[in-house]
Full PDB file with SEQRES, HELIX, SHEET, SSBOND, CRYST1, ORIGX, SCALE, CONECT and MASTER records, all heavy atoms in Angstrom:
SEQRES   1 A   44  MET THR THR GLU PHE ILE LEU GLU MET ASP THR LYS ASN          
SEQRES   2 A   44  LEU CYS ARG GLU ASP CYS ARG GLY ILE CYS PRO GLY CYS          
SEQRES   3 A   44  GLY ALA ASP LEU ASN THR GLU PRO CYS LYS CYS LYS PRO          
SEQRES   4 A   44  ASP ILE ASP PRO ARG                                          
HELIX    1 AA1 THR A    2  LEU A    7  1                                   6    
CRYST1    1.000    1.000    1.000  90.00  90.00  90.00 P 1           1          
ORIGX1      1.000000  0.000000  0.000000        0.00000                         
ORIGX2      0.000000  1.000000  0.000000        0.00000                         
ORIGX3      0.000000  0.000000  1.000000        0.00000                         
SCALE1      1.000000  0.000000  0.000000        0.00000                         
SCALE2      0.000000  1.000000  0.000000        0.00000                         
SCALE3      0.000000  0.000000  1.000000        0.00000                         
ATOM      1  N   MET A   1      30.592  10.823   1.157  1.00  0.00           N  
ATOM      2  CA  MET A   1      29.272  10.629   1.732  1.00  0.00           C  
ATOM      3  C   MET A   1      28.260  10.157   0.703  1.00  0.00           C  
ATOM      4  O   MET A   1      27.416   9.297   1.048  1.00  0.00           O  
ATOM      5  CB  MET A   1      28.781  11.939   2.376  1.00  0.00           C  
ATOM      6  CG  MET A   1      29.653  12.408   3.542  1.00  0.00           C  
ATOM      7  SD  MET A   1      29.782  11.237   4.841  1.00  0.00           S  
ATOM      8  CE  MET A   1      31.495  11.371   5.206  1.00  0.00           C  
ATOM      9  N   THR A   2      28.347  10.633  -0.515  1.00  0.00           N  
ATOM     10  CA  THR A   2      27.453  10.136  -1.581  1.00  0.00           C  
ATOM     11  C   THR A   2      27.687   8.651  -1.816  1.00  0.00           C  
ATOM     12  O   THR A   2      26.746   7.872  -1.870  1.00  0.00           O  
ATOM     13  CB  THR A   2      27.675  10.960  -2.887  1.00  0.00           C  
ATOM     14  OG1 THR A   2      27.453  12.331  -2.614  1.00  0.00           O  
ATOM     15  CG2 THR A   2      26.786  10.460  -3.988  1.00  0.00           C  
ATOM     16  N   THR A   3      28.923   8.257  -1.915  1.00  0.00           N  
ATOM     17  CA  THR A   3      29.255   6.844  -2.147  1.00  0.00           C  
ATOM     18  C   THR A   3      28.792   5.968  -0.976  1.00  0.00           C  
ATOM     19  O   THR A   3      28.188   4.920  -1.203  1.00  0.00           O  
ATOM     20  CB  THR A   3      30.786   6.682  -2.337  1.00  0.00           C  
ATOM     21  OG1 THR A   3      31.174   7.471  -3.448  1.00  0.00           O  
ATOM     22  CG2 THR A   3      31.146   5.245  -2.587  1.00  0.00           C  
ATOM     23  N   GLU A   4      29.026   6.423   0.233  1.00  0.00           N  
ATOM     24  CA  GLU A   4      28.667   5.634   1.461  1.00  0.00           C  
ATOM     25  C   GLU A   4      27.119   5.468   1.470  1.00  0.00           C  
ATOM     26  O   GLU A   4      26.613   4.387   1.751  1.00  0.00           O  
ATOM     27  CB  GLU A   4      29.116   6.312   2.707  1.00  0.00           C  
ATOM     28  CG  GLU A   4      30.592   6.311   2.925  1.00  0.00           C  
ATOM     29  CD  GLU A   4      31.177   4.969   3.325  1.00  0.00           C  
ATOM     30  OE1 GLU A   4      30.395   4.105   3.778  1.00  0.00           O  
ATOM     31  OE2 GLU A   4      32.398   4.786   3.156  1.00  0.00           O  
ATOM     32  N   PHE A   5      26.380   6.560   1.156  1.00  0.00           N  
ATOM     33  CA  PHE A   5      24.924   6.497   1.205  1.00  0.00           C  
ATOM     34  C   PHE A   5      24.397   5.517   0.096  1.00  0.00           C  
ATOM     35  O   PHE A   5      23.528   4.667   0.385  1.00  0.00           O  
ATOM     36  CB  PHE A   5      24.310   7.863   1.023  1.00  0.00           C  
ATOM     37  CG  PHE A   5      22.849   7.938   1.275  1.00  0.00           C  
ATOM     38  CD1 PHE A   5      22.339   7.941   2.561  1.00  0.00           C  
ATOM     39  CD2 PHE A   5      21.928   7.953   0.232  1.00  0.00           C  
ATOM     40  CE1 PHE A   5      20.988   7.962   2.825  1.00  0.00           C  
ATOM     41  CE2 PHE A   5      20.584   7.993   0.459  1.00  0.00           C  
ATOM     42  CZ  PHE A   5      20.079   8.007   1.772  1.00  0.00           C  
ATOM     43  N   ILE A   6      24.931   5.634  -1.091  1.00  0.00           N  
ATOM     44  CA  ILE A   6      24.503   4.749  -2.204  1.00  0.00           C  
ATOM     45  C   ILE A   6      24.793   3.300  -1.894  1.00  0.00           C  
ATOM     46  O   ILE A   6      23.939   2.407  -2.145  1.00  0.00           O  
ATOM     47  CB  ILE A   6      25.113   5.217  -3.520  1.00  0.00           C  
ATOM     48  CG1 ILE A   6      24.535   6.562  -3.946  1.00  0.00           C  
ATOM     49  CG2 ILE A   6      24.928   4.164  -4.627  1.00  0.00           C  
ATOM     50  CD1 ILE A   6      25.225   7.211  -5.104  1.00  0.00           C  
ATOM     51  N   LEU A   7      25.977   3.007  -1.364  1.00  0.00           N  
ATOM     52  CA  LEU A   7      26.324   1.623  -1.090  1.00  0.00           C  
ATOM     53  C   LEU A   7      25.464   1.017  -0.001  1.00  0.00           C  
ATOM     54  O   LEU A   7      25.305  -0.233   0.094  1.00  0.00           O  
ATOM     55  CB  LEU A   7      27.785   1.525  -0.691  1.00  0.00           C  
ATOM     56  CG  LEU A   7      28.794   1.767  -1.832  1.00  0.00           C  
ATOM     57  CD1 LEU A   7      30.226   1.752  -1.303  1.00  0.00           C  
ATOM     58  CD2 LEU A   7      28.607   0.740  -2.950  1.00  0.00           C  
ATOM     59  N   GLU A   8      24.861   1.826   0.879  1.00  0.00           N  
ATOM     60  CA  GLU A   8      24.023   1.323   1.968  1.00  0.00           C  
ATOM     61  C   GLU A   8      22.568   1.230   1.604  1.00  0.00           C  
ATOM     62  O   GLU A   8      21.736   0.811   2.453  1.00  0.00           O  
ATOM     63  CB  GLU A   8      24.204   2.182   3.200  1.00  0.00           C  
ATOM     64  CG  GLU A   8      25.549   2.038   3.881  1.00  0.00           C  
ATOM     65  CD  GLU A   8      25.722   0.674   4.515  1.00  0.00           C  
ATOM     66  OE1 GLU A   8      24.774   0.108   5.068  1.00  0.00           O  
ATOM     67  OE2 GLU A   8      26.865   0.143   4.413  1.00  0.00           O  
ATOM     68  N   MET A   9      22.180   1.584   0.383  1.00  0.00           N  
ATOM     69  CA  MET A   9      20.758   1.436  -0.024  1.00  0.00           C  
ATOM     70  C   MET A   9      20.376  -0.024  -0.066  1.00  0.00           C  
ATOM     71  O   MET A   9      21.121  -0.884  -0.522  1.00  0.00           O  
ATOM     72  CB  MET A   9      20.557   2.105  -1.392  1.00  0.00           C  
ATOM     73  CG  MET A   9      20.634   3.625  -1.364  1.00  0.00           C  
ATOM     74  SD  MET A   9      19.360   4.392  -0.420  1.00  0.00           S  
ATOM     75  CE  MET A   9      17.944   4.176  -1.500  1.00  0.00           C  
ATOM     76  N   ASP A  10      19.175  -0.290   0.430  1.00  0.00           N  
ATOM     77  CA  ASP A  10      18.668  -1.682   0.483  1.00  0.00           C  
ATOM     78  C   ASP A  10      18.238  -2.128  -0.913  1.00  0.00           C  
ATOM     79  O   ASP A  10      17.716  -1.339  -1.695  1.00  0.00           O  
ATOM     80  CB  ASP A  10      17.484  -1.771   1.432  1.00  0.00           C  
ATOM     81  CG  ASP A  10      17.876  -1.411   2.849  1.00  0.00           C  
ATOM     82  OD1 ASP A  10      18.979  -1.819   3.267  1.00  0.00           O  
ATOM     83  OD2 ASP A  10      17.048  -0.766   3.542  1.00  0.00           O  
ATOM     84  N   THR A  11      18.434  -3.409  -1.216  1.00  0.00           N  
ATOM     85  CA  THR A  11      18.020  -3.946  -2.463  1.00  0.00           C  
ATOM     86  C   THR A  11      16.569  -4.430  -2.407  1.00  0.00           C  
ATOM     87  O   THR A  11      15.924  -4.573  -3.454  1.00  0.00           O  
ATOM     88  CB  THR A  11      18.916  -5.150  -2.900  1.00  0.00           C  
ATOM     89  OG1 THR A  11      18.886  -6.163  -1.875  1.00  0.00           O  
ATOM     90  CG2 THR A  11      20.324  -4.701  -3.165  1.00  0.00           C  
ATOM     91  N   LYS A  12      16.039  -4.700  -1.212  1.00  0.00           N  
ATOM     92  CA  LYS A  12      14.684  -5.080  -1.036  1.00  0.00           C  
ATOM     93  C   LYS A  12      14.061  -4.214   0.065  1.00  0.00           C  
ATOM     94  O   LYS A  12      14.613  -4.037   1.096  1.00  0.00           O  
ATOM     95  CB  LYS A  12      14.586  -6.561  -0.592  1.00  0.00           C  
ATOM     96  CG  LYS A  12      13.179  -7.062  -0.508  1.00  0.00           C  
ATOM     97  CD  LYS A  12      13.170  -8.543  -0.352  1.00  0.00           C  
ATOM     98  CE  LYS A  12      11.751  -9.020  -0.238  1.00  0.00           C  
ATOM     99  NZ  LYS A  12      11.304  -9.791  -1.341  1.00  0.00           N  
ATOM    100  N   ASN A  13      12.896  -3.652  -0.266  1.00  0.00           N  
ATOM    101  CA  ASN A  13      12.196  -2.748   0.662  1.00  0.00           C  
ATOM    102  C   ASN A  13      10.809  -3.293   0.965  1.00  0.00           C  
ATOM    103  O   ASN A  13      10.004  -3.477   0.060  1.00  0.00           O  
ATOM    104  CB  ASN A  13      12.071  -1.341   0.050  1.00  0.00           C  
ATOM    105  CG  ASN A  13      13.437  -0.705  -0.178  1.00  0.00           C  
ATOM    106  OD1 ASN A  13      14.161  -0.471   0.761  1.00  0.00           O  
ATOM    107  ND2 ASN A  13      13.793  -0.539  -1.427  1.00  0.00           N  
ATOM    108  N   LEU A  14      10.545  -3.501   2.225  1.00  0.00           N  
ATOM    109  CA  LEU A  14       9.233  -3.989   2.676  1.00  0.00           C  
ATOM    110  C   LEU A  14       8.584  -2.938   3.541  1.00  0.00           C  
ATOM    111  O   LEU A  14       9.233  -2.307   4.348  1.00  0.00           O  
ATOM    112  CB  LEU A  14       9.346  -5.264   3.467  1.00  0.00           C  
ATOM    113  CG  LEU A  14       9.901  -6.473   2.717  1.00  0.00           C  
ATOM    114  CD1 LEU A  14      10.083  -7.683   3.636  1.00  0.00           C  
ATOM    115  CD2 LEU A  14       9.058  -6.846   1.550  1.00  0.00           C  
ATOM    116  N   CYS A  15       7.269  -2.751   3.374  1.00  0.00           N  
ATOM    117  CA  CYS A  15       6.551  -1.736   4.136  1.00  0.00           C  
ATOM    118  C   CYS A  15       6.572  -2.076   5.654  1.00  0.00           C  
ATOM    119  O   CYS A  15       6.508  -1.170   6.479  1.00  0.00           O  
ATOM    120  CB  CYS A  15       5.144  -1.604   3.665  1.00  0.00           C  
ATOM    121  SG  CYS A  15       4.122  -3.117   3.696  1.00  0.00           S  
ATOM    122  N   ARG A  16       6.658  -3.364   5.966  1.00  0.00           N  
ATOM    123  CA  ARG A  16       6.831  -3.821   7.302  1.00  0.00           C  
ATOM    124  C   ARG A  16       7.446  -5.212   7.252  1.00  0.00           C  
ATOM    125  O   ARG A  16       7.374  -5.889   6.238  1.00  0.00           O  
ATOM    126  CB  ARG A  16       5.519  -3.810   8.085  1.00  0.00           C  
ATOM    127  CG  ARG A  16       4.448  -4.669   7.469  1.00  0.00           C  
ATOM    128  CD  ARG A  16       3.161  -4.519   8.207  1.00  0.00           C  
ATOM    129  NE  ARG A  16       2.335  -5.677   7.992  1.00  0.00           N  
ATOM    130  CZ  ARG A  16       1.025  -5.639   7.790  1.00  0.00           C  
ATOM    131  NH1 ARG A  16       0.429  -4.460   7.777  1.00  0.00           N  
ATOM    132  NH2 ARG A  16       0.374  -6.770   7.596  1.00  0.00           N  
ATOM    133  N   GLU A  17       8.030  -5.660   8.356  1.00  0.00           N  
ATOM    134  CA  GLU A  17       8.776  -6.920   8.345  1.00  0.00           C  
ATOM    135  C   GLU A  17       7.875  -8.116   8.056  1.00  0.00           C  
ATOM    136  O   GLU A  17       8.298  -9.050   7.447  1.00  0.00           O  
ATOM    137  CB  GLU A  17       9.465  -7.119   9.678  1.00  0.00           C  
ATOM    138  CG  GLU A  17      10.727  -6.322   9.841  1.00  0.00           C  
ATOM    139  CD  GLU A  17      11.512  -6.682  11.067  1.00  0.00           C  
ATOM    140  OE1 GLU A  17      11.525  -7.878  11.450  1.00  0.00           O  
ATOM    141  OE2 GLU A  17      12.101  -5.793  11.695  1.00  0.00           O  
ATOM    142  N   ASP A  18       6.613  -8.073   8.534  1.00  0.00           N  
ATOM    143  CA  ASP A  18       5.710  -9.216   8.310  1.00  0.00           C  
ATOM    144  C   ASP A  18       4.763  -9.012   7.185  1.00  0.00           C  
ATOM    145  O   ASP A  18       3.679  -9.561   7.151  1.00  0.00           O  
ATOM    146  CB  ASP A  18       4.936  -9.495   9.632  1.00  0.00           C  
ATOM    147  CG  ASP A  18       4.030  -8.297  10.030  1.00  0.00           C  
ATOM    148  OD1 ASP A  18       4.263  -7.164   9.557  1.00  0.00           O  
ATOM    149  OD2 ASP A  18       3.123  -8.484  10.816  1.00  0.00           O  
ATOM    150  N   CYS A  19       5.139  -8.188   6.160  1.00  0.00           N  
ATOM    151  CA  CYS A  19       4.286  -7.971   4.979  1.00  0.00           C  
ATOM    152  C   CYS A  19       4.040  -9.319   4.278  1.00  0.00           C  
ATOM    153  O   CYS A  19       4.951 -10.028   3.978  1.00  0.00           O  
ATOM    154  CB  CYS A  19       4.950  -7.001   4.038  1.00  0.00           C  
ATOM    155  SG  CYS A  19       3.945  -6.687   2.537  1.00  0.00           S  
ATOM    156  N   ARG A  20       2.774  -9.616   4.061  1.00  0.00           N  
ATOM    157  CA  ARG A  20       2.397 -10.920   3.475  1.00  0.00           C  
ATOM    158  C   ARG A  20       2.297 -10.844   1.954  1.00  0.00           C  
ATOM    159  O   ARG A  20       2.170 -11.876   1.294  1.00  0.00           O  
ATOM    160  CB  ARG A  20       1.058 -11.378   4.083  1.00  0.00           C  
ATOM    161  CG  ARG A  20       1.247 -11.592   5.601  1.00  0.00           C  
ATOM    162  CD  ARG A  20      -0.054 -12.015   6.281  1.00  0.00           C  
ATOM    163  NE  ARG A  20      -0.539 -13.277   5.733  1.00  0.00           N  
ATOM    164  CZ  ARG A  20      -1.794 -13.598   5.749  1.00  0.00           C  
ATOM    165  NH1 ARG A  20      -2.701 -12.843   6.277  1.00  0.00           N  
ATOM    166  NH2 ARG A  20      -2.199 -14.767   5.211  1.00  0.00           N  
ATOM    167  N   GLY A  21       2.267  -9.637   1.405  1.00  0.00           N  
ATOM    168  CA  GLY A  21       2.294  -9.508  -0.064  1.00  0.00           C  
ATOM    169  C   GLY A  21       0.936  -9.667  -0.727  1.00  0.00           C  
ATOM    170  O   GLY A  21      -0.123  -9.544  -0.074  1.00  0.00           O  
ATOM    171  N   ILE A  22       0.988  -9.986  -1.985  1.00  0.00           N  
ATOM    172  CA  ILE A  22      -0.215 -10.148  -2.795  1.00  0.00           C  
ATOM    173  C   ILE A  22      -0.351 -11.595  -3.267  1.00  0.00           C  
ATOM    174  O   ILE A  22       0.671 -12.216  -3.653  1.00  0.00           O  
ATOM    175  CB  ILE A  22      -0.168  -9.212  -4.042  1.00  0.00           C  
ATOM    176  CG1 ILE A  22      -0.226  -7.771  -3.537  1.00  0.00           C  
ATOM    177  CG2 ILE A  22      -1.296  -9.474  -5.018  1.00  0.00           C  
ATOM    178  CD1 ILE A  22      -0.108  -6.735  -4.622  1.00  0.00           C  
ATOM    179  N   CYS A  23      -1.537 -12.159  -3.221  1.00  0.00           N  
ATOM    180  CA  CYS A  23      -1.773 -13.523  -3.666  1.00  0.00           C  
ATOM    181  C   CYS A  23      -1.535 -13.609  -5.180  1.00  0.00           C  
ATOM    182  O   CYS A  23      -2.126 -12.830  -5.978  1.00  0.00           O  
ATOM    183  CB  CYS A  23      -3.185 -13.982  -3.338  1.00  0.00           C  
ATOM    184  SG  CYS A  23      -3.578 -15.609  -4.030  1.00  0.00           S  
ATOM    185  N   PRO A  24      -0.688 -14.513  -5.618  1.00  0.00           N  
ATOM    186  CA  PRO A  24      -0.428 -14.610  -7.084  1.00  0.00           C  
ATOM    187  C   PRO A  24      -1.630 -15.164  -7.844  1.00  0.00           C  
ATOM    188  O   PRO A  24      -1.734 -14.977  -9.081  1.00  0.00           O  
ATOM    189  CB  PRO A  24       0.759 -15.580  -7.175  1.00  0.00           C  
ATOM    190  CG  PRO A  24       0.763 -16.334  -5.906  1.00  0.00           C  
ATOM    191  CD  PRO A  24       0.135 -15.463  -4.881  1.00  0.00           C  
ATOM    192  N   GLY A  25      -2.557 -15.790  -7.146  1.00  0.00           N  
ATOM    193  CA  GLY A  25      -3.737 -16.350  -7.848  1.00  0.00           C  
ATOM    194  C   GLY A  25      -4.873 -15.327  -8.012  1.00  0.00           C  
ATOM    195  O   GLY A  25      -5.329 -15.080  -9.141  1.00  0.00           O  
ATOM    196  N   CYS A  26      -5.333 -14.749  -6.951  1.00  0.00           N  
ATOM    197  CA  CYS A  26      -6.467 -13.847  -7.004  1.00  0.00           C  
ATOM    198  C   CYS A  26      -6.114 -12.367  -6.935  1.00  0.00           C  
ATOM    199  O   CYS A  26      -6.970 -11.515  -7.154  1.00  0.00           O  
ATOM    200  CB  CYS A  26      -7.469 -14.183  -5.915  1.00  0.00           C  
ATOM    201  SG  CYS A  26      -6.882 -13.944  -4.238  1.00  0.00           S  
ATOM    202  N   GLY A  27      -4.902 -12.042  -6.540  1.00  0.00           N  
ATOM    203  CA  GLY A  27      -4.457 -10.681  -6.471  1.00  0.00           C  
ATOM    204  C   GLY A  27      -4.842  -9.962  -5.198  1.00  0.00           C  
ATOM    205  O   GLY A  27      -4.723  -8.736  -5.093  1.00  0.00           O  
ATOM    206  N   ALA A  28      -5.299 -10.666  -4.211  1.00  0.00           N  
ATOM    207  CA  ALA A  28      -5.770 -10.035  -2.928  1.00  0.00           C  
ATOM    208  C   ALA A  28      -4.517  -9.589  -2.162  1.00  0.00           C  
ATOM    209  O   ALA A  28      -3.495 -10.262  -2.108  1.00  0.00           O  
ATOM    210  CB  ALA A  28      -6.559 -11.017  -2.135  1.00  0.00           C  
ATOM    211  N   ASP A  29      -4.647  -8.388  -1.543  1.00  0.00           N  
ATOM    212  CA  ASP A  29      -3.607  -7.915  -0.645  1.00  0.00           C  
ATOM    213  C   ASP A  29      -3.769  -8.684   0.647  1.00  0.00           C  
ATOM    214  O   ASP A  29      -4.654  -8.446   1.440  1.00  0.00           O  
ATOM    215  CB  ASP A  29      -3.710  -6.411  -0.400  1.00  0.00           C  
ATOM    216  CG  ASP A  29      -2.641  -5.845   0.473  1.00  0.00           C  
ATOM    217  OD1 ASP A  29      -1.848  -6.645   1.061  1.00  0.00           O  
ATOM    218  OD2 ASP A  29      -2.550  -4.591   0.554  1.00  0.00           O  
ATOM    219  N   LEU A  30      -2.855  -9.619   0.934  1.00  0.00           N  
ATOM    220  CA  LEU A  30      -2.984 -10.501   2.076  1.00  0.00           C  
ATOM    221  C   LEU A  30      -2.799  -9.805   3.434  1.00  0.00           C  
ATOM    222  O   LEU A  30      -3.072 -10.391   4.444  1.00  0.00           O  
ATOM    223  CB  LEU A  30      -1.979 -11.683   1.914  1.00  0.00           C  
ATOM    224  CG  LEU A  30      -2.231 -12.546   0.699  1.00  0.00           C  
ATOM    225  CD1 LEU A  30      -1.140 -13.578   0.558  1.00  0.00           C  
ATOM    226  CD2 LEU A  30      -3.595 -13.148   0.656  1.00  0.00           C  
ATOM    227  N   ASN A  31      -2.368  -8.528   3.393  1.00  0.00           N  
ATOM    228  CA  ASN A  31      -2.256  -7.749   4.648  1.00  0.00           C  
ATOM    229  C   ASN A  31      -3.605  -7.269   5.094  1.00  0.00           C  
ATOM    230  O   ASN A  31      -3.827  -7.007   6.278  1.00  0.00           O  
ATOM    231  CB  ASN A  31      -1.316  -6.576   4.445  1.00  0.00           C  
ATOM    232  CG  ASN A  31       0.105  -7.011   4.156  1.00  0.00           C  
ATOM    233  OD1 ASN A  31       0.634  -7.863   4.836  1.00  0.00           O  
ATOM    234  ND2 ASN A  31       0.685  -6.442   3.131  1.00  0.00           N  
ATOM    235  N   THR A  32      -4.536  -7.097   4.143  1.00  0.00           N  
ATOM    236  CA  THR A  32      -5.856  -6.522   4.488  1.00  0.00           C  
ATOM    237  C   THR A  32      -7.069  -7.415   4.269  1.00  0.00           C  
ATOM    238  O   THR A  32      -8.106  -7.199   4.807  1.00  0.00           O  
ATOM    239  CB  THR A  32      -6.089  -5.233   3.680  1.00  0.00           C  
ATOM    240  OG1 THR A  32      -6.053  -5.540   2.277  1.00  0.00           O  
ATOM    241  CG2 THR A  32      -5.023  -4.194   4.007  1.00  0.00           C  
ATOM    242  N   GLU A  33      -6.915  -8.461   3.437  1.00  0.00           N  
ATOM    243  CA  GLU A  33      -8.032  -9.337   3.123  1.00  0.00           C  
ATOM    244  C   GLU A  33      -7.516 -10.783   2.951  1.00  0.00           C  
ATOM    245  O   GLU A  33      -6.371 -10.985   2.567  1.00  0.00           O  
ATOM    246  CB  GLU A  33      -8.806  -8.854   1.908  1.00  0.00           C  
ATOM    247  CG  GLU A  33      -7.920  -8.769   0.659  1.00  0.00           C  
ATOM    248  CD  GLU A  33      -8.677  -8.154  -0.544  1.00  0.00           C  
ATOM    249  OE1 GLU A  33      -9.774  -8.632  -0.838  1.00  0.00           O  
ATOM    250  OE2 GLU A  33      -8.101  -7.251  -1.152  1.00  0.00           O  
ATOM    251  N   PRO A  34      -8.423 -11.723   3.107  1.00  0.00           N  
ATOM    252  CA  PRO A  34      -8.014 -13.112   2.928  1.00  0.00           C  
ATOM    253  C   PRO A  34      -7.958 -13.460   1.398  1.00  0.00           C  
ATOM    254  O   PRO A  34      -8.563 -12.790   0.573  1.00  0.00           O  
ATOM    255  CB  PRO A  34      -9.102 -13.924   3.626  1.00  0.00           C  
ATOM    256  CG  PRO A  34     -10.298 -13.056   3.606  1.00  0.00           C  
ATOM    257  CD  PRO A  34      -9.775 -11.624   3.654  1.00  0.00           C  
ATOM    258  N   CYS A  35      -7.242 -14.525   1.152  1.00  0.00           N  
ATOM    259  CA  CYS A  35      -7.132 -15.031  -0.238  1.00  0.00           C  
ATOM    260  C   CYS A  35      -8.496 -15.545  -0.708  1.00  0.00           C  
ATOM    261  O   CYS A  35      -9.211 -16.176   0.038  1.00  0.00           O  
ATOM    262  CB  CYS A  35      -6.091 -16.161  -0.274  1.00  0.00           C  
ATOM    263  SG  CYS A  35      -5.950 -16.927  -1.881  1.00  0.00           S  
ATOM    264  N   LYS A  36      -8.825 -15.252  -1.955  1.00  0.00           N  
ATOM    265  CA  LYS A  36     -10.156 -15.694  -2.521  1.00  0.00           C  
ATOM    266  C   LYS A  36     -10.029 -16.948  -3.395  1.00  0.00           C  
ATOM    267  O   LYS A  36     -10.974 -17.359  -4.008  1.00  0.00           O  
ATOM    268  CB  LYS A  36     -10.789 -14.561  -3.301  1.00  0.00           C  
ATOM    269  CG  LYS A  36     -11.061 -13.318  -2.487  1.00  0.00           C  
ATOM    270  CD  LYS A  36     -11.563 -12.201  -3.326  1.00  0.00           C  
ATOM    271  CE  LYS A  36     -11.699 -10.953  -2.507  1.00  0.00           C  
ATOM    272  NZ  LYS A  36     -10.679  -9.975  -2.782  1.00  0.00           N  
ATOM    273  N   CYS A  37      -8.810 -17.451  -3.477  1.00  0.00           N  
ATOM    274  CA  CYS A  37      -8.609 -18.641  -4.330  1.00  0.00           C  
ATOM    275  C   CYS A  37      -9.214 -19.871  -3.656  1.00  0.00           C  
ATOM    276  O   CYS A  37      -9.212 -20.043  -2.459  1.00  0.00           O  
ATOM    277  CB  CYS A  37      -7.122 -18.893  -4.507  1.00  0.00           C  
ATOM    278  SG  CYS A  37      -6.239 -17.577  -5.379  1.00  0.00           S  
ATOM    279  N   LYS A  38      -9.726 -20.742  -4.495  1.00  0.00           N  
ATOM    280  CA  LYS A  38     -10.198 -22.066  -4.002  1.00  0.00           C  
ATOM    281  C   LYS A  38      -8.981 -22.936  -3.943  1.00  0.00           C  
ATOM    282  O   LYS A  38      -8.116 -22.901  -4.782  1.00  0.00           O  
ATOM    283  CB  LYS A  38     -11.227 -22.662  -4.970  1.00  0.00           C  
ATOM    284  CG  LYS A  38     -12.512 -21.842  -5.018  1.00  0.00           C  
ATOM    285  CD  LYS A  38     -13.503 -22.517  -5.921  1.00  0.00           C  
ATOM    286  CE  LYS A  38     -14.774 -21.708  -5.946  1.00  0.00           C  
ATOM    287  NZ  LYS A  38     -15.770 -22.251  -6.892  1.00  0.00           N  
ATOM    288  N   PRO A  39      -8.943 -23.775  -2.892  1.00  0.00           N  
ATOM    289  CA  PRO A  39      -7.761 -24.678  -2.787  1.00  0.00           C  
ATOM    290  C   PRO A  39      -7.709 -25.659  -3.962  1.00  0.00           C  
ATOM    291  O   PRO A  39      -8.764 -26.161  -4.421  1.00  0.00           O  
ATOM    292  CB  PRO A  39      -7.978 -25.396  -1.455  1.00  0.00           C  
ATOM    293  CG  PRO A  39      -9.393 -25.159  -1.076  1.00  0.00           C  
ATOM    294  CD  PRO A  39      -9.898 -23.963  -1.812  1.00  0.00           C  
ATOM    295  N   ASP A  40      -6.513 -25.888  -4.454  1.00  0.00           N  
ATOM    296  CA  ASP A  40      -6.330 -26.854  -5.526  1.00  0.00           C  
ATOM    297  C   ASP A  40      -6.591 -28.248  -4.993  1.00  0.00           C  
ATOM    298  O   ASP A  40      -6.144 -28.611  -3.906  1.00  0.00           O  
ATOM    299  CB  ASP A  40      -4.898 -26.774  -6.085  1.00  0.00           C  
ATOM    300  CG  ASP A  40      -4.651 -25.477  -6.816  1.00  0.00           C  
ATOM    301  OD1 ASP A  40      -5.640 -24.878  -7.319  1.00  0.00           O  
ATOM    302  OD2 ASP A  40      -3.478 -25.044  -6.904  1.00  0.00           O  
ATOM    303  N   ILE A  41      -7.276 -29.028  -5.819  1.00  0.00           N  
ATOM    304  CA  ILE A  41      -7.577 -30.402  -5.434  1.00  0.00           C  
ATOM    305  C   ILE A  41      -6.577 -31.307  -6.144  1.00  0.00           C  
ATOM    306  O   ILE A  41      -6.328 -31.155  -7.355  1.00  0.00           O  
ATOM    307  CB  ILE A  41      -9.024 -30.790  -5.837  1.00  0.00           C  
ATOM    308  CG1 ILE A  41      -9.998 -29.913  -5.064  1.00  0.00           C  
ATOM    309  CG2 ILE A  41      -9.280 -32.268  -5.574  1.00  0.00           C  
ATOM    310  CD1 ILE A  41     -11.435 -30.088  -5.460  1.00  0.00           C  
ATOM    311  N   ASP A  42      -6.025 -32.244  -5.402  1.00  0.00           N  
ATOM    312  CA  ASP A  42      -5.117 -33.190  -5.966  1.00  0.00           C  
ATOM    313  C   ASP A  42      -5.860 -33.992  -7.065  1.00  0.00           C  
ATOM    314  O   ASP A  42      -6.946 -34.536  -6.815  1.00  0.00           O  
ATOM    315  CB  ASP A  42      -4.653 -34.143  -4.861  1.00  0.00           C  
ATOM    316  CG  ASP A  42      -3.541 -35.093  -5.334  1.00  0.00           C  
ATOM    317  OD1 ASP A  42      -3.462 -35.394  -6.538  1.00  0.00           O  
ATOM    318  OD2 ASP A  42      -2.780 -35.554  -4.438  1.00  0.00           O  
ATOM    319  N   PRO A  43      -5.334 -34.047  -8.324  1.00  0.00           N  
ATOM    320  CA  PRO A  43      -6.041 -34.733  -9.406  1.00  0.00           C  
ATOM    321  C   PRO A  43      -6.362 -36.200  -9.089  1.00  0.00           C  
ATOM    322  O   PRO A  43      -7.299 -36.721  -9.621  1.00  0.00           O  
ATOM    323  CB  PRO A  43      -5.121 -34.590 -10.587  1.00  0.00           C  
ATOM    324  CG  PRO A  43      -3.878 -33.962 -10.108  1.00  0.00           C  
ATOM    325  CD  PRO A  43      -4.100 -33.488  -8.705  1.00  0.00           C  
ATOM    326  N   ARG A  44      -5.591 -36.795  -8.231  1.00  0.00           N  
ATOM    327  CA  ARG A  44      -5.830 -38.196  -7.891  1.00  0.00           C  
ATOM    328  C   ARG A  44      -7.103 -38.337  -7.014  1.00  0.00           C  
ATOM    329  O   ARG A  44      -7.689 -39.387  -6.948  1.00  0.00           O  
ATOM    330  CB  ARG A  44      -4.646 -38.762  -7.117  1.00  0.00           C  
ATOM    331  CG  ARG A  44      -3.358 -38.793  -7.981  1.00  0.00           C  
ATOM    332  CD  ARG A  44      -2.146 -39.203  -7.194  1.00  0.00           C  
ATOM    333  NE  ARG A  44      -1.952 -38.110  -6.189  1.00  0.00           N  
ATOM    334  CZ  ARG A  44      -0.957 -38.128  -5.323  1.00  0.00           C  
ATOM    335  NH1 ARG A  44      -0.177 -39.140  -5.230  1.00  0.00           N  
ATOM    336  NH2 ARG A  44      -0.781 -37.116  -4.478  1.00  0.00           N  
TER     337      ARG A  44                                                      
MASTER        0    0    0    1    0    0    0    6  336    1    0    4          
END                                                                             
């Protein structure tokens, strides 16, 4: 039973299926607030 339980542990755990995560730019929790980053402008 110990072996069966350990082998069935998930490698990725999400709080909910549609978790949007954290913005890598501004650090905002996208589940509760919008991103505060300004859109990147094409250098051209």
